[in-house]
Amino acid sequence: MTEFVPVIAESELPPGACKEVLVGDRAVALCNAGGEIHAIGNLCPHRGGPLGQGMLHEKLVICPWHNWAFDVTTGVSPDNPELKTPHYETKVEQGQVLVRLD
């Protein structure tokens, strides 16, 4: 099992925001949905749009390229459950957001 990796300060991701980050060599979208921080794969499975640049509506991140939506708590599209992006475990310790890539 991989370890948690510190990525950013929690203060850099206010509620309602998304941000693109690199965790090792992997692009990840961090999203703060109502004070809960979630991490999913940054590339939309439709055409590779950057989900970390998308708009967050409650627990759905909307891809900025073609408006495809993904639940940040699972990485699954609410419109088609067969479409999904990876979801990664997160935690906050001492003001730092940590992500574990399994």
PDB file of N, CA and C in Angstrom:
ATOM      1  N   MET A   1       0.843  -1.179   0.000  1.00  0.00           N
ATOM      2  CA  MET A   1       0.000   0.000   0.000  1.00  0.00           C
ATOM      3  C   MET A   1       0.890   1.244   0.000  1.00  0.00           C
ATOM      4  N   THR A   2       0.527   2.226  -0.776  1.00  0.00           N
ATOM      5  CA  THR A   2       1.325   3.443  -0.857  1.00  0.00           C
ATOM      6  C   THR A   2       1.044   4.352   0.338  1.00  0.00           C
ATOM      7  N   GLU A   3       1.946   5.289   0.552  1.00  0.00           N
ATOM      8  CA  GLU A   3       1.818   6.213   1.667  1.00  0.00           C
ATOM      9  C   GLU A   3       1.111   7.484   1.225  1.00  0.00           C
ATOM     10  N   PHE A   4       0.615   8.224   2.207  1.00  0.00           N
ATOM     11  CA  PHE A   4       0.054   9.544   1.941  1.00  0.00           C
ATOM     12  C   PHE A   4       1.186  10.506   1.624  1.00  0.00           C
ATOM     13  N   VAL A   5       0.946  11.368   0.632  1.00  0.00           N
ATOM     14  CA  VAL A   5       1.937  12.346   0.185  1.00  0.00           C
ATOM     15  C   VAL A   5       1.364  13.741   0.440  1.00  0.00           C
ATOM     16  N   PRO A   6       2.109  14.630   1.124  1.00  0.00           N
ATOM     17  CA  PRO A   6       1.618  16.001   1.285  1.00  0.00           C
ATOM     18  C   PRO A   6       1.640  16.725  -0.060  1.00  0.00           C
ATOM     19  N   VAL A   7       0.533  17.464  -0.352  1.00  0.00           N
ATOM     20  CA  VAL A   7       0.418  18.089  -1.660  1.00  0.00           C
ATOM     21  C   VAL A   7       0.349  19.620  -1.575  1.00  0.00           C
ATOM     22  N   ILE A   8      -0.594  20.134  -0.808  1.00  0.00           N
ATOM     23  CA  ILE A   8      -0.746  21.589  -0.667  1.00  0.00           C
ATOM     24  C   ILE A   8      -1.213  21.902   0.745  1.00  0.00           C
ATOM     25  N   ALA A   9      -1.134  23.183   1.092  1.00  0.00           N
ATOM     26  CA  ALA A   9      -1.720  23.642   2.351  1.00  0.00           C
ATOM     27  C   ALA A   9      -3.240  23.662   2.200  1.00  0.00           C
ATOM     28  N   GLU A  10      -3.936  23.271   3.242  1.00  0.00           N
ATOM     29  CA  GLU A  10      -5.402  23.266   3.206  1.00  0.00           C
ATOM     30  C   GLU A  10      -5.942  24.663   2.870  1.00  0.00           C
ATOM     31  N   SER A  11      -5.256  25.705   3.311  1.00  0.00           N
ATOM     32  CA  SER A  11      -5.696  27.086   3.067  1.00  0.00           C
ATOM     33  C   SER A  11      -5.673  27.459   1.590  1.00  0.00           C
ATOM     34  N   GLU A  12      -4.978  26.688   0.754  1.00  0.00           N
ATOM     35  CA  GLU A  12      -4.922  26.957  -0.688  1.00  0.00           C
ATOM     36  C   GLU A  12      -6.152  26.453  -1.440  1.00  0.00           C
ATOM     37  N   LEU A  13      -7.043  25.737  -0.733  1.00  0.00           N
ATOM     38  CA  LEU A  13      -8.211  25.137  -1.390  1.00  0.00           C
ATOM     39  C   LEU A  13      -9.469  25.439  -0.579  1.00  0.00           C
ATOM     40  N   PRO A  14     -10.031  26.637  -0.749  1.00  0.00           N
ATOM     41  CA  PRO A  14     -11.228  26.991   0.018  1.00  0.00           C
ATOM     42  C   PRO A  14     -12.442  26.186  -0.440  1.00  0.00           C
ATOM     43  N   PRO A  15     -13.493  26.111   0.382  1.00  0.00           N
ATOM     44  CA  PRO A  15     -14.712  25.409  -0.023  1.00  0.00           C
ATOM     45  C   PRO A  15     -15.234  25.915  -1.359  1.00  0.00           C
ATOM     46  N   GLY A  16     -15.623  24.967  -2.223  1.00  0.00           N
ATOM     47  CA  GLY A  16     -16.145  25.280  -3.545  1.00  0.00           C
ATOM     48  C   GLY A  16     -15.091  25.379  -4.632  1.00  0.00           C
ATOM     49  N   ALA A  17     -13.818  25.181  -4.257  1.00  0.00           N
ATOM     50  CA  ALA A  17     -12.725  25.319  -5.228  1.00  0.00           C
ATOM     51  C   ALA A  17     -12.174  23.965  -5.661  1.00  0.00           C
ATOM     52  N   CYS A  18     -11.595  23.953  -6.860  1.00  0.00           N
ATOM     53  CA  CYS A  18     -10.845  22.812  -7.377  1.00  0.00           C
ATOM     54  C   CYS A  18      -9.463  23.306  -7.786  1.00  0.00           C
ATOM     55  N   LYS A  19      -8.509  22.401  -7.774  1.00  0.00           N
ATOM     56  CA  LYS A  19      -7.137  22.777  -8.112  1.00  0.00           C
ATOM     57  C   LYS A  19      -6.433  21.572  -8.720  1.00  0.00           C
ATOM     58  N   GLU A  20      -5.629  21.829  -9.747  1.00  0.00           N
ATOM     59  CA  GLU A  20      -4.800  20.785 -10.338  1.00  0.00           C
ATOM     60  C   GLU A  20      -3.498  20.692  -9.552  1.00  0.00           C
ATOM     61  N   VAL A  21      -3.090  19.461  -9.230  1.00  0.00           N
ATOM     62  CA  VAL A  21      -1.818  19.242  -8.546  1.00  0.00           C
ATOM     63  C   VAL A  21      -1.156  17.996  -9.130  1.00  0.00           C
ATOM     64  N   LEU A  22       0.141  17.898  -8.907  1.00  0.00           N
ATOM     65  CA  LEU A  22       0.862  16.675  -9.245  1.00  0.00           C
ATOM     66  C   LEU A  22       1.154  15.925  -7.954  1.00  0.00           C
ATOM     67  N   VAL A  23       0.829  14.655  -7.957  1.00  0.00           N
ATOM     68  CA  VAL A  23       1.165  13.777  -6.841  1.00  0.00           C
ATOM     69  C   VAL A  23       2.115  12.749  -7.427  1.00  0.00           C
ATOM     70  N   GLY A  24       3.399  12.902  -7.131  1.00  0.00           N
ATOM     71  CA  GLY A  24       4.399  12.114  -7.827  1.00  0.00           C
ATOM     72  C   GLY A  24       4.373  12.539  -9.289  1.00  0.00           C
ATOM     73  N   ASP A  25       4.109  11.589 -10.173  1.00  0.00           N
ATOM     74  CA  ASP A  25       4.028  11.920 -11.601  1.00  0.00           C
ATOM     75  C   ASP A  25       2.585  11.893 -12.117  1.00  0.00           C
ATOM     76  N   ARG A  26       1.625  11.854 -11.193  1.00  0.00           N
ATOM     77  CA  ARG A  26       0.223  11.735 -11.579  1.00  0.00           C
ATOM     78  C   ARG A  26      -0.523  13.061 -11.408  1.00  0.00           C
ATOM     79  N   ALA A  27      -1.268  13.487 -12.431  1.00  0.00           N
ATOM     80  CA  ALA A  27      -2.087  14.689 -12.350  1.00  0.00           C
ATOM     81  C   ALA A  27      -3.378  14.365 -11.605  1.00  0.00           C
ATOM     82  N   VAL A  28      -3.665  15.171 -10.581  1.00  0.00           N
ATOM     83  CA  VAL A  28      -4.812  14.943  -9.711  1.00  0.00           C
ATOM     84  C   VAL A  28      -5.605  16.243  -9.595  1.00  0.00           C
ATOM     85  N   ALA A  29      -6.919  16.118  -9.542  1.00  0.00           N
ATOM     86  CA  ALA A  29      -7.797  17.252  -9.269  1.00  0.00           C
ATOM     87  C   ALA A  29      -8.208  17.174  -7.806  1.00  0.00           C
ATOM     88  N   LEU A  30      -7.858  18.202  -7.041  1.00  0.00           N
ATOM     89  CA  LEU A  30      -8.313  18.317  -5.655  1.00  0.00           C
ATOM     90  C   LEU A  30      -9.535  19.207  -5.640  1.00  0.00           C
ATOM     91  N   CYS A  31     -10.577  18.814  -4.916  1.00  0.00           N
ATOM     92  CA  CYS A  31     -11.807  19.597  -4.834  1.00  0.00           C
ATOM     93  C   CYS A  31     -12.266  19.670  -3.390  1.00  0.00           C
ATOM     94  N   ASN A  32     -12.660  20.864  -2.967  1.00  0.00           N
ATOM     95  CA  ASN A  32     -13.171  21.068  -1.618  1.00  0.00           C
ATOM     96  C   ASN A  32     -14.677  21.220  -1.707  1.00  0.00           C
ATOM     97  N   ALA A  33     -15.382  20.138  -1.420  1.00  0.00           N
ATOM     98  CA  ALA A  33     -16.843  20.109  -1.485  1.00  0.00           C
ATOM     99  C   ALA A  33     -17.395  20.278  -0.072  1.00  0.00           C
ATOM    100  N   GLY A  34     -17.796  21.483   0.252  1.00  0.00           N
ATOM    101  CA  GLY A  34     -18.400  21.736   1.560  1.00  0.00           C
ATOM    102  C   GLY A  34     -17.471  21.492   2.727  1.00  0.00           C
ATOM    103  N   GLY A  35     -16.195  21.739   2.543  1.00  0.00           N
ATOM    104  CA  GLY A  35     -15.228  21.539   3.619  1.00  0.00           C
ATOM    105  C   GLY A  35     -14.575  20.167   3.616  1.00  0.00           C
ATOM    106  N   GLU A  36     -15.033  19.275   2.755  1.00  0.00           N
ATOM    107  CA  GLU A  36     -14.417  17.949   2.622  1.00  0.00           C
ATOM    108  C   GLU A  36     -13.560  17.939   1.360  1.00  0.00           C
ATOM    109  N   ILE A  37     -12.300  17.565   1.506  1.00  0.00           N
ATOM    110  CA  ILE A  37     -11.391  17.578   0.361  1.00  0.00           C
ATOM    111  C   ILE A  37     -11.329  16.192  -0.272  1.00  0.00           C
ATOM    112  N   HIS A  38     -11.519  16.178  -1.587  1.00  0.00           N
ATOM    113  CA  HIS A  38     -11.518  14.936  -2.358  1.00  0.00           C
ATOM    114  C   HIS A  38     -10.487  15.035  -3.473  1.00  0.00           C
ATOM    115  N   ALA A  39      -9.977  13.882  -3.897  1.00  0.00           N
ATOM    116  CA  ALA A  39      -8.998  13.827  -4.986  1.00  0.00           C
ATOM    117  C   ALA A  39      -9.467  12.808  -6.019  1.00  0.00           C
ATOM    118  N   ILE A  40      -9.479  13.254  -7.285  1.00  0.00           N
ATOM    119  CA  ILE A  40      -9.818  12.368  -8.397  1.00  0.00           C
ATOM    120  C   ILE A  40      -8.790  12.582  -9.504  1.00  0.00           C
ATOM    121  N   GLY A  41      -8.785  11.692 -10.470  1.00  0.00           N
ATOM    122  CA  GLY A  41      -7.918  11.877 -11.621  1.00  0.00           C
ATOM    123  C   GLY A  41      -8.231  13.195 -12.305  1.00  0.00           C
ATOM    124  N   ASN A  42      -7.217  13.883 -12.773  1.00  0.00           N
ATOM    125  CA  ASN A  42      -7.424  15.212 -13.358  1.00  0.00           C
ATOM    126  C   ASN A  42      -7.953  15.169 -14.785  1.00  0.00           C
ATOM    127  N   LEU A  43      -7.799  14.061 -15.483  1.00  0.00           N
ATOM    128  CA  LEU A  43      -8.204  14.010 -16.890  1.00  0.00           C
ATOM    129  C   LEU A  43      -9.615  13.446 -17.054  1.00  0.00           C
ATOM    130  N   CYS A  44     -10.458  14.234 -17.694  1.00  0.00           N
ATOM    131  CA  CYS A  44     -11.809  13.769 -17.998  1.00  0.00           C
ATOM    132  C   CYS A  44     -11.708  12.600 -18.972  1.00  0.00           C
ATOM    133  N   PRO A  45     -12.403  11.483 -18.703  1.00  0.00           N
ATOM    134  CA  PRO A  45     -12.317  10.338 -19.611  1.00  0.00           C
ATOM    135  C   PRO A  45     -12.963  10.589 -20.971  1.00  0.00           C
ATOM    136  N   HIS A  46     -13.711  11.664 -21.124  1.00  0.00           N
ATOM    137  CA  HIS A  46     -14.339  11.965 -22.416  1.00  0.00           C
ATOM    138  C   HIS A  46     -13.300  12.415 -23.438  1.00  0.00           C
ATOM    139  N   ARG A  47     -12.596  13.523 -23.171  1.00  0.00           N
ATOM    140  CA  ARG A  47     -11.614  14.046 -24.124  1.00  0.00           C
ATOM    141  C   ARG A  47     -10.353  14.566 -23.439  1.00  0.00           C
ATOM    142  N   GLY A  48     -10.161  14.200 -22.163  1.00  0.00           N
ATOM    143  CA  GLY A  48      -8.936  14.586 -21.470  1.00  0.00           C
ATOM    144  C   GLY A  48      -8.932  15.989 -20.905  1.00  0.00           C
ATOM    145  N   GLY A  49     -10.109  16.591 -20.746  1.00  0.00           N
ATOM    146  CA  GLY A  49     -10.187  17.933 -20.169  1.00  0.00           C
ATOM    147  C   GLY A  49      -9.665  17.955 -18.737  1.00  0.00           C
ATOM    148  N   PRO A  50      -9.152  19.086 -18.285  1.00  0.00           N
ATOM    149  CA  PRO A  50      -8.569  19.209 -16.944  1.00  0.00           C
ATOM    150  C   PRO A  50      -9.644  19.430 -15.874  1.00  0.00           C
ATOM    151  N   LEU A  51     -10.024  18.383 -15.172  1.00  0.00           N
ATOM    152  CA  LEU A  51     -11.087  18.485 -14.177  1.00  0.00           C
ATOM    153  C   LEU A  51     -10.736  19.461 -13.057  1.00  0.00           C
ATOM    154  N   GLY A  52      -9.464  19.604 -12.744  1.00  0.00           N
ATOM    155  CA  GLY A  52      -9.038  20.538 -11.705  1.00  0.00           C
ATOM    156  C   GLY A  52      -9.286  21.987 -12.070  1.00  0.00           C
ATOM    157  N   GLN A  53      -9.593  22.254 -13.338  1.00  0.00           N
ATOM    158  CA  GLN A  53      -9.948  23.601 -13.777  1.00  0.00           C
ATOM    159  C   GLN A  53     -11.460  23.768 -13.895  1.00  0.00           C
ATOM    160  N   GLY A  54     -12.191  22.721 -13.544  1.00  0.00           N
ATOM    161  CA  GLY A  54     -13.644  22.750 -13.676  1.00  0.00           C
ATOM    162  C   GLY A  54     -14.329  23.478 -12.546  1.00  0.00           C
ATOM    163  N   MET A  55     -15.634  23.648 -12.691  1.00  0.00           N
ATOM    164  CA  MET A  55     -16.472  24.272 -11.679  1.00  0.00           C
ATOM    165  C   MET A  55     -17.036  23.185 -10.769  1.00  0.00           C
ATOM    166  N   LEU A  56     -17.103  23.483  -9.493  1.00  0.00           N
ATOM    167  CA  LEU A  56     -17.638  22.539  -8.523  1.00  0.00           C
ATOM    168  C   LEU A  56     -19.045  22.965  -8.135  1.00  0.00           C
ATOM    169  N   HIS A  57     -20.011  22.070  -8.293  1.00  0.00           N
ATOM    170  CA  HIS A  57     -21.399  22.288  -7.890  1.00  0.00           C
ATOM    171  C   HIS A  57     -21.747  21.202  -6.887  1.00  0.00           C
ATOM    172  N   GLU A  58     -21.778  21.583  -5.612  1.00  0.00           N
ATOM    173  CA  GLU A  58     -21.963  20.648  -4.506  1.00  0.00           C
ATOM    174  C   GLU A  58     -20.874  19.583  -4.588  1.00  0.00           C
ATOM    175  N   LYS A  59     -21.194  18.351  -4.955  1.00  0.00           N
ATOM    176  CA  LYS A  59     -20.170  17.299  -5.032  1.00  0.00           C
ATOM    177  C   LYS A  59     -19.847  16.890  -6.466  1.00  0.00           C
ATOM    178  N   LEU A  60     -20.282  17.704  -7.433  1.00  0.00           N
ATOM    179  CA  LEU A  60     -20.005  17.403  -8.832  1.00  0.00           C
ATOM    180  C   LEU A  60     -19.022  18.412  -9.398  1.00  0.00           C
ATOM    181  N   VAL A  61     -17.956  17.901 -10.027  1.00  0.00           N
ATOM    182  CA  VAL A  61     -17.056  18.780 -10.762  1.00  0.00           C
ATOM    183  C   VAL A  61     -17.456  18.692 -12.229  1.00  0.00           C
ATOM    184  N   ILE A  62     -17.528  19.851 -12.872  1.00  0.00           N
ATOM    185  CA  ILE A  62     -17.957  19.935 -14.262  1.00  0.00           C
ATOM    186  C   ILE A  62     -16.729  20.210 -15.124  1.00  0.00           C
ATOM    187  N   CYS A  63     -16.456  19.329 -16.069  1.00  0.00           N
ATOM    188  CA  CYS A  63     -15.302  19.495 -16.948  1.00  0.00           C
ATOM    189  C   CYS A  63     -15.431  20.800 -17.738  1.00  0.00           C
ATOM    190  N   PRO A  64     -14.362  21.613 -17.775  1.00  0.00           N
ATOM    191  CA  PRO A  64     -14.452  22.898 -18.467  1.00  0.00           C
ATOM    192  C   PRO A  64     -14.517  22.784 -19.994  1.00  0.00           C
ATOM    193  N   TRP A  65     -14.213  21.634 -20.550  1.00  0.00           N
ATOM    194  CA  TRP A  65     -14.209  21.501 -22.002  1.00  0.00           C
ATOM    195  C   TRP A  65     -15.580  21.175 -22.584  1.00  0.00           C
ATOM    196  N   HIS A  66     -16.282  20.184 -22.016  1.00  0.00           N
ATOM    197  CA  HIS A  66     -17.544  19.743 -22.610  1.00  0.00           C
ATOM    198  C   HIS A  66     -18.653  19.529 -21.588  1.00  0.00           C
ATOM    199  N   ASN A  67     -18.465  20.056 -20.381  1.00  0.00           N
ATOM    200  CA  ASN A  67     -19.501  20.022 -19.334  1.00  0.00           C
ATOM    201  C   ASN A  67     -19.887  18.627 -18.846  1.00  0.00           C
ATOM    202  N   TRP A  68     -18.990  17.667 -18.944  1.00  0.00           N
ATOM    203  CA  TRP A  68     -19.267  16.358 -18.378  1.00  0.00           C
ATOM    204  C   TRP A  68     -19.070  16.459 -16.865  1.00  0.00           C
ATOM    205  N   ALA A  69     -19.913  15.795 -16.094  1.00  0.00           N
ATOM    206  CA  ALA A  69     -19.876  15.893 -14.636  1.00  0.00           C
ATOM    207  C   ALA A  69     -19.357  14.603 -14.005  1.00  0.00           C
ATOM    208  N   PHE A  70     -18.638  14.766 -12.883  1.00  0.00           N
ATOM    209  CA  PHE A  70     -18.127  13.627 -12.124  1.00  0.00           C
ATOM    210  C   PHE A  70     -18.274  13.912 -10.638  1.00  0.00           C
ATOM    211  N   ASP A  71     -18.711  12.902  -9.896  1.00  0.00           N
ATOM    212  CA  ASP A  71     -18.864  13.014  -8.450  1.00  0.00           C
ATOM    213  C   ASP A  71     -17.471  12.957  -7.816  1.00  0.00           C
ATOM    214  N   VAL A  72     -17.090  14.000  -7.086  1.00  0.00           N
ATOM    215  CA  VAL A  72     -15.738  14.035  -6.510  1.00  0.00           C
ATOM    216  C   VAL A  72     -15.571  13.040  -5.370  1.00  0.00           C
ATOM    217  N   THR A  73     -16.674  12.514  -4.835  1.00  0.00           N
ATOM    218  CA  THR A  73     -16.563  11.541  -3.747  1.00  0.00           C
ATOM    219  C   THR A  73     -16.300  10.126  -4.252  1.00  0.00           C
ATOM    220  N   THR A  74     -16.549   9.900  -5.561  1.00  0.00           N
ATOM    221  CA  THR A  74     -16.372   8.555  -6.121  1.00  0.00           C
ATOM    222  C   THR A  74     -15.593   8.540  -7.434  1.00  0.00           C
ATOM    223  N   GLY A  75     -15.598   9.650  -8.175  1.00  0.00           N
ATOM    224  CA  GLY A  75     -15.002   9.708  -9.503  1.00  0.00           C
ATOM    225  C   GLY A  75     -15.935   9.234 -10.599  1.00  0.00           C
ATOM    226  N   VAL A  76     -17.174   8.882 -10.255  1.00  0.00           N
ATOM    227  CA  VAL A  76     -18.136   8.311 -11.206  1.00  0.00           C
ATOM    228  C   VAL A  76     -19.036   9.411 -11.779  1.00  0.00           C
ATOM    229  N   SER A  77     -19.361   9.283 -13.060  1.00  0.00           N
ATOM    230  CA  SER A  77     -20.288  10.211 -13.706  1.00  0.00           C
ATOM    231  C   SER A  77     -21.714   9.882 -13.270  1.00  0.00           C
ATOM    232  N   PRO A  78     -22.486  10.884 -12.835  1.00  0.00           N
ATOM    233  CA  PRO A  78     -23.884  10.608 -12.468  1.00  0.00           C
ATOM    234  C   PRO A  78     -24.755  10.327 -13.691  1.00  0.00           C
ATOM    235  N   ASP A  79     -24.295  10.725 -14.866  1.00  0.00           N
ATOM    236  CA  ASP A  79     -25.064  10.512 -16.093  1.00  0.00           C
ATOM    237  C   ASP A  79     -24.836   9.141 -16.706  1.00  0.00           C
ATOM    238  N   ASN A  80     -23.656   8.580 -16.485  1.00  0.00           N
ATOM    239  CA  ASN A  80     -23.313   7.261 -17.022  1.00  0.00           C
ATOM    240  C   ASN A  80     -22.316   6.616 -16.070  1.00  0.00           C
ATOM    241  N   PRO A  81     -22.778   5.744 -15.176  1.00  0.00           N
ATOM    242  CA  PRO A  81     -21.906   5.134 -14.171  1.00  0.00           C
ATOM    243  C   PRO A  81     -20.728   4.336 -14.735  1.00  0.00           C
ATOM    244  N   GLU A  82     -20.751   4.051 -16.032  1.00  0.00           N
ATOM    245  CA  GLU A  82     -19.627   3.343 -16.639  1.00  0.00           C
ATOM    246  C   GLU A  82     -18.445   4.278 -16.881  1.00  0.00           C
ATOM    247  N   LEU A  83     -18.715   5.598 -16.878  1.00  0.00           N
ATOM    248  CA  LEU A  83     -17.656   6.587 -17.062  1.00  0.00           C
ATOM    249  C   LEU A  83     -17.150   7.025 -15.697  1.00  0.00           C
ATOM    250  N   LYS A  84     -15.858   6.880 -15.498  1.00  0.00           N
ATOM    251  CA  LYS A  84     -15.306   7.293 -14.206  1.00  0.00           C
ATOM    252  C   LYS A  84     -13.835   7.657 -14.347  1.00  0.00           C
ATOM    253  N   THR A  85     -13.387   8.384 -13.372  1.00  0.00           N
ATOM    254  CA  THR A  85     -11.993   8.760 -13.251  1.00  0.00           C
ATOM    255  C   THR A  85     -11.527   8.227 -11.902  1.00  0.00           C
ATOM    256  N   PRO A  86     -10.251   7.959 -11.731  1.00  0.00           N
ATOM    257  CA  PRO A  86      -9.800   7.407 -10.448  1.00  0.00           C
ATOM    258  C   PRO A  86     -10.142   8.323  -9.270  1.00  0.00           C
ATOM    259  N   HIS A  87     -10.405   7.717  -8.130  1.00  0.00           N
ATOM    260  CA  HIS A  87     -10.654   8.447  -6.887  1.00  0.00           C
ATOM    261  C   HIS A  87      -9.557   8.032  -5.908  1.00  0.00           C
ATOM    262  N   TYR A  88      -9.007   9.021  -5.199  1.00  0.00           N
ATOM    263  CA  TYR A  88      -7.900   8.761  -4.281  1.00  0.00           C
ATOM    264  C   TYR A  88      -8.261   9.193  -2.868  1.00  0.00           C
ATOM    265  N   GLU A  89      -7.746   8.478  -1.910  1.00  0.00           N
ATOM    266  CA  GLU A  89      -7.980   8.795  -0.502  1.00  0.00           C
ATOM    267  C   GLU A  89      -7.217  10.065  -0.120  1.00  0.00           C
ATOM    268  N   THR A  90      -7.860  10.905   0.692  1.00  0.00           N
ATOM    269  CA  THR A  90      -7.234  12.135   1.163  1.00  0.00           C
ATOM    270  C   THR A  90      -7.387  12.240   2.670  1.00  0.00           C
ATOM    271  N   LYS A  91      -6.550  13.071   3.266  1.00  0.00           N
ATOM    272  CA  LYS A  91      -6.723  13.460   4.661  1.00  0.00           C
ATOM    273  C   LYS A  91      -5.996  14.781   4.863  1.00  0.00           C
ATOM    274  N   VAL A  92      -6.358  15.458   5.946  1.00  0.00           N
ATOM    275  CA  VAL A  92      -5.722  16.723   6.296  1.00  0.00           C
ATOM    276  C   VAL A  92      -5.062  16.538   7.653  1.00  0.00           C
ATOM    277  N   GLU A  93      -3.773  16.862   7.701  1.00  0.00           N
ATOM    278  CA  GLU A  93      -3.020  16.797   8.953  1.00  0.00           C
ATOM    279  C   GLU A  93      -2.192  18.059   9.097  1.00  0.00           C
ATOM    280  N   GLN A  94      -2.307  18.706  10.226  1.00  0.00           N
ATOM    281  CA  GLN A  94      -1.523  19.897  10.534  1.00  0.00           C
ATOM    282  C   GLN A  94      -1.591  20.929   9.413  1.00  0.00           C
ATOM    283  N   GLY A  95      -2.795  21.108   8.865  1.00  0.00           N
ATOM    284  CA  GLY A  95      -3.018  22.116   7.833  1.00  0.00           C
ATOM    285  C   GLY A  95      -2.534  21.738   6.445  1.00  0.00           C
ATOM    286  N   GLN A  96      -2.096  20.488   6.258  1.00  0.00           N
ATOM    287  CA  GLN A  96      -1.630  20.027   4.950  1.00  0.00           C
ATOM    288  C   GLN A  96      -2.595  18.986   4.388  1.00  0.00           C
ATOM    289  N   VAL A  97      -2.879  19.085   3.075  1.00  0.00           N
ATOM    290  CA  VAL A  97      -3.692  18.080   2.390  1.00  0.00           C
ATOM    291  C   VAL A  97      -2.741  16.983   1.925  1.00  0.00           C
ATOM    292  N   LEU A  98      -3.090  15.753   2.285  1.00  0.00           N
ATOM    293  CA  LEU A  98      -2.310  14.589   1.885  1.00  0.00           C
ATOM    294  C   LEU A  98      -3.158  13.684   1.003  1.00  0.00           C
ATOM    295  N   VAL A  99      -2.536  13.084  -0.008  1.00  0.00           N
ATOM    296  CA  VAL A  99      -3.227  12.195  -0.945  1.00  0.00           C
ATOM    297  C   VAL A  99      -2.478  10.873  -1.011  1.00  0.00           C
ATOM    298  N   ARG A 100      -3.241   9.789  -1.063  1.00  0.00           N
ATOM    299  CA  ARG A 100      -2.630   8.461  -1.247  1.00  0.00           C
ATOM    300  C   ARG A 100      -3.084   7.900  -2.581  1.00  0.00           C
ATOM    301  N   LEU A 101      -2.118   7.561  -3.431  1.00  0.00           N
ATOM    302  CA  LEU A 101      -2.408   6.952  -4.729  1.00  0.00           C
ATOM    303  C   LEU A 101      -2.288   5.449  -4.593  1.00  0.00           C
ATOM    304  N   ASP A 102      -3.407   4.759  -4.669  1.00  0.00           N
ATOM    305  CA  ASP A 102      -3.380   3.276  -4.608  1.00  0.00           C
ATOM    306  C   ASP A 102      -3.391   2.704  -5.985  1.00  0.00           C
TER     307      ASP A 102
END
